[in-house]
Amino acid sequence: MSFDWAGLMRLGITRLRLRPAEFWALTPVELLMMLGLAGSDAPMARARLVELAAEYPDEKEI
């Protein structure tokens, strides 16, 4: 699979307002998902969000 890096960078910087370092820190899949060009068309359900929040809490218990 080839990528139009110039086009993707233009979209990342203009549409997503990423800084170049932020753009290059993303994987191609992350970038395509942020641009809405990859991934599921279905929105995440509340139940999945709750699962992810439990699995990756913002604060760790001490």
Protein backbone atom coordinates (compact mmCIF):
# COMPACT_ATOMS: atom_id res chain seq x y z
CA MET A 1 0.00 0.00 0.00
CA SER A 2 1.43 3.37 -0.94
CA PHE A 3 0.59 6.66 0.72
CA ASP A 4 0.33 10.17 -0.66
CA TRP A 5 2.45 11.57 2.17
CA ALA A 6 2.33 15.15 0.89
CA GLY A 7 -1.46 15.01 0.65
CA LEU A 8 -1.82 13.32 4.03
CA MET A 9 0.52 15.84 5.65
CA ARG A 10 -1.44 18.70 4.10
CA LEU A 11 -4.69 17.25 5.53
CA GLY A 12 -3.09 16.54 8.90
CA ILE A 13 -1.75 20.06 9.25
CA THR A 14 -4.72 21.96 7.79
CA ARG A 15 -7.76 19.87 8.74
CA LEU A 16 -6.50 18.29 11.98
CA ARG A 17 -4.23 21.22 12.90
CA LEU A 18 -1.35 18.89 13.77
CA ARG A 19 2.16 20.19 14.18
CA PRO A 20 4.67 18.39 11.91
CA ALA A 21 6.16 16.51 14.89
CA GLU A 22 2.66 15.37 15.92
CA PHE A 23 1.93 14.27 12.35
CA TRP A 24 5.10 12.18 12.10
CA ALA A 25 4.51 10.63 15.54
CA LEU A 26 1.27 9.03 14.28
CA THR A 27 1.11 5.64 12.64
CA PRO A 28 -0.51 5.62 9.18
CA VAL A 29 -3.57 3.85 10.61
CA GLU A 30 -3.94 6.45 13.40
CA LEU A 31 -3.74 9.26 10.86
CA LEU A 32 -6.25 7.65 8.50
CA MET A 33 -8.64 7.03 11.40
CA MET A 34 -8.35 10.65 12.55
CA LEU A 35 -9.15 11.78 9.01
CA GLY A 36 -12.13 9.41 8.85
CA LEU A 37 -10.55 7.37 6.05
CA ALA A 38 -10.19 4.06 7.92
CA GLY A 39 -11.87 2.03 10.60
CA SER A 40 -15.43 1.11 11.30
CA ASP A 41 -18.27 3.27 10.07
CA ALA A 42 -20.22 2.47 13.22
CA PRO A 43 -19.79 4.83 16.17
CA MET A 44 -18.51 3.42 19.44
CA ALA A 45 -21.33 2.27 21.70
CA ARG A 46 -21.53 3.42 25.32
CA ALA A 47 -20.84 -0.11 26.57
CA ARG A 48 -17.51 -0.24 24.71
CA LEU A 49 -16.53 3.17 26.09
CA VAL A 50 -17.23 1.92 29.63
CA GLU A 51 -15.09 -1.19 28.95
CA LEU A 52 -12.20 0.92 27.70
CA ALA A 53 -12.46 3.33 30.63
CA ALA A 54 -12.29 0.40 33.06
CA GLU A 55 -9.36 -1.15 31.21
CA TYR A 56 -7.42 2.14 30.89
CA PRO A 57 -8.38 4.40 33.82
CA ASP A 58 -7.22 8.01 33.83
CA GLU A 59 -5.86 7.66 37.35
CA LYS A 60 -4.22 4.62 38.87
CA GLU A 61 -5.23 3.43 42.31
CA ILE A 62 -2.57 3.84 44.98
